[in-house]
């Protein structure tokens, strides 16, 4: 096995400086002799022009050779060292990209067709226990066009995508697959049967969601997740494509964007300190009727000023209310109540996260008062805990 040579920072800088000087020199010689060969051919000085043309190729080869050597040196001596601070078992190859089969397996919904893939700066490693693979990639559509003047076929290569591709463990086994792409009219016409409309109008305006099961899309793309994706896509300045695969893999394609990773030093927040230890009221109810009730109420609540949903718990009955300029909702559910009566309000987007995410027949809601955190979990399963902060309103004072 070849032993890797460790260079000091001074040696790295000296080597990079040498490569930069040689690249500049060979670039000048390549362009100079190239232009000279054209002028000499025009002046019918064929032998001298031929020599200049040969030297153009020689110097061009040397320029490319030193450019690759510079990139390899940066990768092995600088980039790899940085990546080892972030990833475990990291592998970096400046001249490779994510395999074309892996990109194809994602089945990403694009508004274009592509035939070839190329790229660079391939990174593969483990980040906080998750397998991660990413690289710069370019997707091309290749088309053969007949040239009538020359009487032969020529290849036309058009770039469709230039950016980054990320593949990582998602950590959830899905029964189906969910894909998200930039919302193009062409795609909306093609995917009428598997298109899923989300409840966020801004999200629907920008993205097209396709899935075999609408419930799977709602499970993954919670209101919080949609707001985060919209925010990240807006900051990136490019186009975002995502694929959640049934094998537990997530693919993200970022077209004409850069990936920025911010490492935050410090201790993770001790969330257990904010979990209440005791409760004044406990409510047990069937999840599905409550889920349908909240789904209907959120259509009204999101038209209001604060997306408010009011829950009134009184003597074994739960009343769900929402009010806006376009109408009101008032629905009643029978529940098992243990403790005091209570009125409490929530932002409906946060409550939607709970009822669409939990997989159970019944849920428990634990409350103290109208301004303290509320705990929701499946009946008999304390491993899953969802904490929701209420909203103070005049109706709950």
Protein backbone atom coordinates (compact mmCIF):
# COMPACT_ATOMS: atom_id res chain seq x y z
CA UNK A 1 0.00 0.00 0.00
CA UNK A 2 1.37 3.41 -0.98
CA UNK A 3 2.26 5.56 2.03
CA UNK A 4 0.71 9.01 1.98
CA UNK A 5 3.15 11.90 2.26
CA UNK A 6 2.19 14.55 4.82
CA UNK A 7 3.10 18.06 3.68
CA UNK A 8 3.51 21.11 5.88
CA UNK A 9 1.46 24.24 5.18
CA UNK A 10 4.59 25.94 3.79
CA UNK A 11 5.23 23.03 1.41
CA UNK A 12 1.59 23.05 0.28
CA UNK A 13 1.67 26.80 -0.40
CA UNK A 14 4.97 26.50 -2.29
CA UNK A 15 3.60 23.67 -4.47
CA UNK A 16 0.36 25.52 -5.18
CA UNK A 17 2.29 28.68 -6.06
CA UNK A 18 4.46 26.70 -8.49
CA UNK A 19 1.41 25.17 -10.17
CA UNK A 20 -0.27 28.59 -10.46
CA UNK A 21 2.81 30.09 -12.13
CA UNK A 22 3.14 27.19 -14.59
CA UNK A 23 -0.60 27.24 -15.40
CA UNK A 24 -0.37 30.97 -16.19
CA UNK A 25 2.77 30.45 -18.32
CA UNK A 26 1.34 27.55 -20.32
CA UNK A 27 -1.95 29.41 -20.81
CA UNK A 28 -0.10 32.38 -22.34
CA UNK A 29 1.99 30.07 -24.55
CA UNK A 30 -1.06 28.05 -25.64
CA UNK A 31 -3.10 31.09 -26.65
CA UNK A 32 -0.05 32.83 -28.17
CA UNK A 33 1.06 29.94 -30.39
CA UNK A 34 -2.59 29.16 -31.23
CA UNK A 35 -3.16 32.69 -32.53
CA UNK A 36 0.23 32.60 -34.28
CA UNK A 37 -0.58 29.37 -36.11
CA UNK A 38 -3.80 30.89 -37.47
CA UNK A 39 -1.95 33.96 -38.78
CA UNK A 40 0.83 31.86 -40.29
CA UNK A 41 -1.66 29.58 -42.04
CA UNK A 42 -3.34 32.70 -43.44
CA UNK A 43 0.06 33.87 -44.74
CA UNK A 44 0.68 30.48 -46.41
CA UNK A 45 3.66 29.76 -44.13
CA UNK A 46 2.48 26.19 -43.71
CA UNK A 47 5.61 24.52 -42.20
CA UNK A 48 6.05 27.18 -39.51
CA UNK A 49 2.30 27.24 -38.84
CA UNK A 50 2.30 23.46 -38.39
CA UNK A 51 5.09 23.72 -35.80
CA UNK A 52 3.15 26.41 -33.92
CA UNK A 53 0.04 24.24 -33.98
CA UNK A 54 1.92 21.28 -32.51
CA UNK A 55 3.35 23.52 -29.76
CA UNK A 56 -0.17 24.81 -29.05
CA UNK A 57 -1.32 21.25 -28.27
CA UNK A 58 1.83 20.52 -26.21
CA UNK A 59 1.46 23.64 -24.05
CA UNK A 60 -2.29 23.07 -23.74
CA UNK A 61 -1.64 19.55 -22.47
CA UNK A 62 0.87 20.87 -19.91
CA UNK A 63 -1.62 23.53 -18.75
CA UNK A 64 -4.28 20.85 -18.19
CA UNK A 65 -1.79 18.57 -16.46
CA UNK A 66 -0.78 21.22 -13.92
CA UNK A 67 -4.43 22.28 -13.40
CA UNK A 68 -5.31 18.68 -12.45
CA UNK A 69 -2.22 18.40 -10.25
CA UNK A 70 -3.19 21.62 -8.45
CA UNK A 71 -6.71 20.34 -7.86
CA UNK A 72 -5.42 16.98 -6.62
CA UNK A 73 -3.02 18.70 -4.21
CA UNK A 74 -5.81 20.87 -2.85
CA UNK A 75 -8.05 17.83 -2.45
CA UNK A 76 -5.51 15.62 -0.69
CA UNK A 77 -3.79 18.23 1.47
CA UNK A 78 -6.45 20.83 2.23
CA UNK A 79 -10.01 19.72 1.44
CA UNK A 80 -9.62 16.22 2.88
CA UNK A 81 -8.29 17.65 6.13
CA UNK A 82 -11.31 19.94 6.47
CA UNK A 83 -13.77 17.15 5.63
CA UNK A 84 -12.23 14.86 8.25
CA UNK A 85 -13.28 17.42 10.87
CA UNK A 86 -16.92 17.04 9.77
CA UNK A 87 -17.36 13.46 8.54
CA UNK A 88 -16.31 10.02 9.76
CA UNK A 89 -14.71 7.56 7.32
CA UNK A 90 -14.67 10.30 4.69
CA UNK A 91 -13.49 9.69 1.13
CA UNK A 92 -12.84 12.59 -1.25
CA UNK A 93 -12.09 12.43 -4.96
CA UNK A 94 -11.86 15.76 -6.82
CA UNK A 95 -12.24 14.07 -10.23
CA UNK A 96 -15.29 11.84 -9.63
CA UNK A 97 -18.98 12.53 -9.08
CA UNK A 98 -21.97 10.61 -7.72
CA UNK A 99 -22.52 7.49 -9.89
CA UNK A 100 -25.02 7.97 -12.70
CA UNK A 101 -26.98 4.89 -11.55
CA UNK A 102 -27.52 6.46 -8.13
CA UNK A 103 -28.84 9.64 -9.72
CA UNK A 104 -31.08 7.62 -12.04
CA UNK A 105 -32.45 5.50 -9.18
CA UNK A 106 -33.85 8.66 -7.56
CA UNK A 107 -36.39 8.98 -10.38
CA UNK A 108 -36.31 12.75 -9.90
CA UNK A 109 -39.14 14.62 -11.63
CA UNK A 110 -37.43 17.10 -13.95
CA UNK A 111 -38.96 19.43 -16.55
CA UNK A 112 -36.28 18.18 -18.96
CA UNK A 113 -34.70 14.94 -20.19
CA UNK A 114 -31.03 14.14 -19.73
CA UNK A 115 -28.73 11.55 -21.27
CA UNK A 116 -25.33 12.02 -19.66
CA UNK A 117 -23.84 12.98 -16.30
CA UNK A 118 -20.49 14.42 -15.39
CA UNK A 119 -19.15 16.14 -12.30
CA UNK A 120 -16.43 16.41 -9.69
CA UNK A 121 -15.60 16.76 -5.99
CA UNK A 122 -17.16 13.51 -4.79
CA UNK A 123 -17.52 13.24 -1.00
CA UNK A 124 -18.64 10.10 0.80
CA UNK A 125 -18.71 9.62 4.56
CA UNK A 126 -20.73 9.35 7.77
CA UNK A 127 -22.20 12.40 9.50
CA UNK A 128 -23.70 11.88 12.96
CA UNK A 129 -24.41 8.22 12.17
CA UNK A 130 -25.98 8.92 8.76
CA UNK A 131 -24.40 7.85 5.46
CA UNK A 132 -23.88 10.89 3.24
CA UNK A 133 -22.73 11.17 -0.38
CA UNK A 134 -22.54 14.36 -2.45
CA UNK A 135 -20.79 15.97 -5.39
CA UNK A 136 -21.03 18.64 -8.03
CA UNK A 137 -22.87 17.30 -11.07
CA UNK A 138 -23.90 18.45 -14.52
CA UNK A 139 -26.73 16.84 -16.50
CA UNK A 140 -26.75 17.03 -20.30
CA UNK A 141 -29.27 16.32 -23.01
CA UNK A 142 -27.49 14.90 -26.06
CA UNK A 143 -29.15 15.03 -29.45
CA UNK A 144 -27.93 13.94 -32.91
CA UNK A 145 -28.68 16.50 -35.63
CA UNK A 146 -28.18 15.98 -39.36
CA UNK A 147 -26.00 18.69 -40.95
CA UNK A 148 -27.25 19.11 -44.50
CA UNK A 149 -24.28 21.23 -45.60
CA UNK A 150 -21.72 18.60 -44.58
CA UNK A 151 -23.96 15.64 -45.25
CA UNK A 152 -23.35 13.96 -41.88
CA UNK A 153 -24.64 13.79 -38.31
CA UNK A 154 -23.33 15.96 -35.49
CA UNK A 155 -23.90 15.79 -31.76
CA UNK A 156 -25.58 18.64 -29.92
CA UNK A 157 -24.96 18.69 -26.16
CA UNK A 158 -27.15 20.94 -24.01
CA UNK A 159 -26.63 21.45 -20.28
CA UNK A 160 -29.85 20.98 -18.29
CA UNK A 161 -28.61 21.00 -14.69
CA UNK A 162 -25.51 22.35 -12.96
CA UNK A 163 -25.24 22.21 -9.21
CA UNK A 164 -24.95 19.78 -6.32
CA UNK A 165 -26.46 16.36 -5.63
CA UNK A 166 -26.81 15.01 -2.10
CA UNK A 167 -27.81 11.49 -1.03
CA UNK A 168 -28.24 10.65 2.65
CA UNK A 169 -30.03 8.28 5.01
CA UNK A 170 -33.49 9.58 5.82
CA UNK A 171 -34.07 7.25 8.75
CA UNK A 172 -37.69 6.42 7.92
CA UNK A 173 -39.03 3.43 6.02
CA UNK A 174 -41.76 4.59 3.66
CA UNK A 175 -44.46 2.47 2.06
CA UNK A 176 -44.25 4.65 -1.05
CA UNK A 177 -42.08 7.35 -2.55
CA UNK A 178 -42.56 11.11 -2.49
CA UNK A 179 -40.91 13.53 -4.92
CA UNK A 180 -40.77 17.30 -4.99
CA UNK A 181 -39.80 19.42 -7.98
CA UNK A 182 -39.94 22.97 -9.21
CA UNK A 183 -43.50 23.65 -10.32
CA UNK A 184 -43.58 23.76 -14.12
CA UNK A 185 -46.83 23.83 -16.12
CA UNK A 186 -45.48 21.01 -18.27
CA UNK A 187 -45.01 18.78 -15.21
CA UNK A 188 -48.44 19.59 -13.80
CA UNK A 189 -50.04 18.37 -17.02
CA UNK A 190 -47.95 15.20 -17.02
CA UNK A 191 -48.65 14.31 -13.37
CA UNK A 192 -52.37 14.84 -12.97
CA UNK A 193 -52.86 11.34 -11.53
CA UNK A 194 -50.11 11.34 -8.86
CA UNK A 195 -49.98 15.06 -8.07
CA UNK A 196 -50.66 15.97 -4.43
CA UNK A 197 -51.96 19.41 -3.48
CA UNK A 198 -50.60 20.60 -0.14
CA UNK A 199 -52.40 23.00 2.20
CA UNK A 200 -49.70 25.69 1.84
CA UNK A 201 -50.60 27.90 -1.18
CA UNK A 202 -47.09 29.38 -1.45
CA UNK A 203 -45.62 25.88 -1.45
CA UNK A 204 -48.02 24.76 -4.19
CA UNK A 205 -47.11 27.82 -6.26
CA UNK A 206 -43.42 26.93 -6.21
CA UNK A 207 -43.32 23.14 -5.99
CA UNK A 208 -45.00 20.12 -7.52
CA UNK A 209 -45.42 17.16 -5.14
CA UNK A 210 -45.94 13.69 -6.61
CA UNK A 211 -46.66 10.53 -4.63
CA UNK A 212 -48.55 7.26 -4.96
CA UNK A 213 -50.20 8.03 -1.60
CA UNK A 214 -51.33 11.50 -0.58
CA UNK A 215 -51.15 10.44 3.08
CA UNK A 216 -47.45 9.67 2.66
CA UNK A 217 -46.87 13.18 1.29
CA UNK A 218 -48.77 14.76 4.20
CA UNK A 219 -46.77 12.62 6.64
CA UNK A 220 -43.44 13.86 5.27
CA UNK A 221 -44.21 17.43 4.21
CA UNK A 222 -45.56 18.86 7.44
CA UNK A 223 -46.30 22.60 7.66
CA UNK A 224 -42.96 23.10 9.41
CA UNK A 225 -41.12 21.14 6.74
CA UNK A 226 -42.78 23.07 3.91
CA UNK A 227 -41.91 26.42 5.49
CA UNK A 228 -38.31 25.28 5.95
CA UNK A 229 -38.00 24.09 2.33
CA UNK A 230 -39.49 27.35 1.03
CA UNK A 231 -37.09 29.38 3.15
CA UNK A 232 -34.03 27.32 2.14
CA UNK A 233 -35.02 27.38 -1.55
CA UNK A 234 -35.43 31.15 -1.42
CA UNK A 235 -31.97 31.62 0.09
CA UNK A 236 -30.32 29.27 -2.40
CA UNK A 237 -31.31 31.33 -5.42
CA UNK A 238 -31.61 28.14 -7.48
CA UNK A 239 -34.01 25.30 -8.16
CA UNK A 240 -34.62 22.49 -5.66
CA UNK A 241 -35.55 18.87 -6.39
CA UNK A 242 -36.10 16.20 -3.72
CA UNK A 243 -36.93 12.48 -3.66
CA UNK A 244 -37.86 10.52 -0.51
CA UNK A 245 -37.36 6.87 -1.46
CA UNK A 246 -38.90 3.78 0.12
CA UNK A 247 -35.43 2.42 0.91
CA UNK A 248 -34.94 5.18 3.47
CA UNK A 249 -32.80 7.40 1.23
CA UNK A 250 -33.25 11.11 0.56
CA UNK A 251 -31.95 12.67 -2.68
CA UNK A 252 -31.62 16.45 -3.01
CA UNK A 253 -30.65 18.16 -6.25
CA UNK A 254 -29.72 21.85 -6.07
CA UNK A 255 -29.53 23.42 -9.50
CA UNK A 256 -27.01 26.28 -9.87
CA UNK A 257 -26.54 26.67 -6.14
CA UNK A 258 -23.81 26.18 -3.57
CA UNK A 259 -24.05 24.09 -0.41
CA UNK A 260 -23.19 25.96 2.77
CA UNK A 261 -22.63 24.03 6.00
CA UNK A 262 -22.54 25.95 9.27
CA UNK A 263 -21.13 24.03 12.22
CA UNK A 264 -22.49 25.29 15.54
CA UNK A 265 -20.30 24.58 18.56
CA UNK A 266 -21.93 24.00 21.93
CA UNK A 267 -24.11 21.63 23.90
CA UNK A 268 -27.45 20.49 22.52
CA UNK A 269 -30.40 22.06 24.32
CA UNK A 270 -31.65 20.08 27.33
CA UNK A 271 -35.24 19.76 26.11
CA UNK A 272 -36.28 17.63 29.09
CA UNK A 273 -36.12 20.71 31.32
CA UNK A 274 -39.13 22.23 29.55
CA UNK A 275 -41.26 19.07 29.69
CA UNK A 276 -43.88 19.38 32.44
CA UNK A 277 -43.62 16.74 35.19
CA UNK A 278 -47.29 16.81 36.20
CA UNK A 279 -50.59 17.87 34.63
CA UNK A 280 -53.91 19.32 35.73
CA UNK A 281 -55.94 17.79 32.90
CA UNK A 282 -55.66 14.66 30.80
CA UNK A 283 -57.81 14.00 27.71
CA UNK A 284 -57.98 10.69 25.82
CA UNK A 285 -59.66 10.54 22.40
CA UNK A 286 -59.81 8.63 19.13
CA UNK A 287 -57.22 10.09 16.77
CA UNK A 288 -58.99 9.76 13.41
CA UNK A 289 -62.13 11.83 14.26
CA UNK A 290 -59.91 14.48 15.85
CA UNK A 291 -57.58 14.47 12.79
CA UNK A 292 -60.52 15.00 10.41
CA UNK A 293 -61.91 17.71 12.67
CA UNK A 294 -58.60 19.62 12.77
CA UNK A 295 -58.17 19.22 8.99
CA UNK A 296 -61.54 20.83 8.39
CA UNK A 297 -61.01 23.56 10.97
CA UNK A 298 -57.62 24.56 9.57
CA UNK A 299 -59.27 25.55 6.27
CA UNK A 300 -61.01 28.32 8.20
CA UNK A 301 -58.25 29.05 10.73
CA UNK A 302 -55.57 29.73 8.11
CA UNK A 303 -57.78 32.48 6.64
CA UNK A 304 -57.70 34.31 9.98
CA UNK A 305 -55.06 36.62 11.40
CA UNK A 306 -53.09 34.12 13.50
CA UNK A 307 -54.06 30.61 12.30
CA UNK A 308 -55.76 30.11 15.66
CA UNK A 309 -57.62 26.94 16.69
CA UNK A 310 -59.46 26.99 20.02
CA UNK A 311 -60.08 23.82 22.07
CA UNK A 312 -62.75 23.94 24.82
CA UNK A 313 -62.64 20.94 27.17
CA UNK A 314 -65.74 20.70 29.33
CA UNK A 315 -67.14 17.67 31.21
CA UNK A 316 -66.04 14.98 28.76
CA UNK A 317 -66.65 17.01 25.63
CA UNK A 318 -64.07 18.64 23.35
CA UNK A 319 -65.24 21.59 21.23
CA UNK A 320 -63.04 22.67 18.32
CA UNK A 321 -63.53 26.25 17.12
CA UNK A 322 -61.98 28.39 14.40
CA UNK A 323 -63.02 31.84 13.21
CA UNK A 324 -62.14 34.02 10.23
CA UNK A 325 -63.65 36.58 7.87
CA UNK A 326 -65.00 33.82 5.60
CA UNK A 327 -66.76 31.77 8.27
CA UNK A 328 -66.68 29.82 11.55
CA UNK A 329 -66.18 26.20 12.61
CA UNK A 330 -67.71 24.60 15.69
CA UNK A 331 -67.37 20.83 16.11
CA UNK A 332 -67.91 18.61 19.15
CA UNK A 333 -66.19 15.34 20.09
CA UNK A 334 -66.76 12.97 23.01
CA UNK A 335 -63.54 12.41 25.01
CA UNK A 336 -62.36 10.82 28.24
CA UNK A 337 -61.48 13.67 30.58
CA UNK A 338 -59.52 13.45 33.83
CA UNK A 339 -59.10 16.79 35.58
CA UNK A 340 -60.29 20.37 35.32
CA UNK A 341 -62.18 22.00 32.44
CA UNK A 342 -60.02 24.18 30.23
CA UNK A 343 -59.93 26.48 27.20
CA UNK A 344 -56.68 26.51 25.22
CA UNK A 345 -55.68 27.86 21.78
CA UNK A 346 -53.00 26.68 19.33
CA UNK A 347 -51.53 27.72 16.03
CA UNK A 348 -53.29 25.22 13.77
CA UNK A 349 -50.11 24.55 11.75
CA UNK A 350 -48.42 23.06 14.82
CA UNK A 351 -51.43 20.92 15.69
CA UNK A 352 -51.60 19.63 12.10
CA UNK A 353 -48.02 18.39 12.53
CA UNK A 354 -49.15 16.20 15.42
CA UNK A 355 -52.32 14.67 14.02
CA UNK A 356 -50.75 13.83 10.66
CA UNK A 357 -47.57 12.39 12.15
CA UNK A 358 -48.83 10.15 14.94
CA UNK A 359 -49.62 6.56 13.93
CA UNK A 360 -52.07 5.36 16.60
CA UNK A 361 -55.77 4.76 17.20
CA UNK A 362 -55.96 6.96 20.28
CA UNK A 363 -53.98 9.89 21.69
CA UNK A 364 -53.53 11.51 25.09
CA UNK A 365 -53.42 15.28 25.58
CA UNK A 366 -51.82 16.49 28.82
CA UNK A 367 -52.51 20.08 29.94
CA UNK A 368 -51.82 22.39 32.88
CA UNK A 369 -53.27 25.75 31.84
CA UNK A 370 -53.86 27.95 28.81
CA UNK A 371 -50.28 29.25 28.65
CA UNK A 372 -48.17 26.19 29.58
CA UNK A 373 -46.73 23.63 27.11
CA UNK A 374 -49.07 20.83 26.09
CA UNK A 375 -47.89 17.22 25.68
CA UNK A 376 -49.50 14.89 23.11
CA UNK A 377 -48.59 11.23 22.72
CA UNK A 378 -50.15 7.93 21.54
CA UNK A 379 -52.03 6.06 24.26
CA UNK A 380 -49.69 3.57 25.93
CA UNK A 381 -46.58 4.86 24.11
CA UNK A 382 -44.46 7.29 26.13
CA UNK A 383 -41.50 6.95 23.72
CA UNK A 384 -43.16 9.40 21.33
CA UNK A 385 -43.79 12.85 22.79
CA UNK A 386 -44.97 15.92 20.90
CA UNK A 387 -44.75 19.23 22.75
CA UNK A 388 -46.98 22.06 21.50
CA UNK A 389 -46.89 25.61 22.84
CA UNK A 390 -50.31 27.31 23.15
CA UNK A 391 -51.22 30.81 22.04
CA UNK A 392 -52.57 33.31 24.59
CA UNK A 393 -55.93 34.76 23.52
CA UNK A 394 -58.83 36.58 25.20
CA UNK A 395 -60.89 33.39 24.92
CA UNK A 396 -58.44 31.46 27.12
CA UNK A 397 -57.83 34.09 29.82
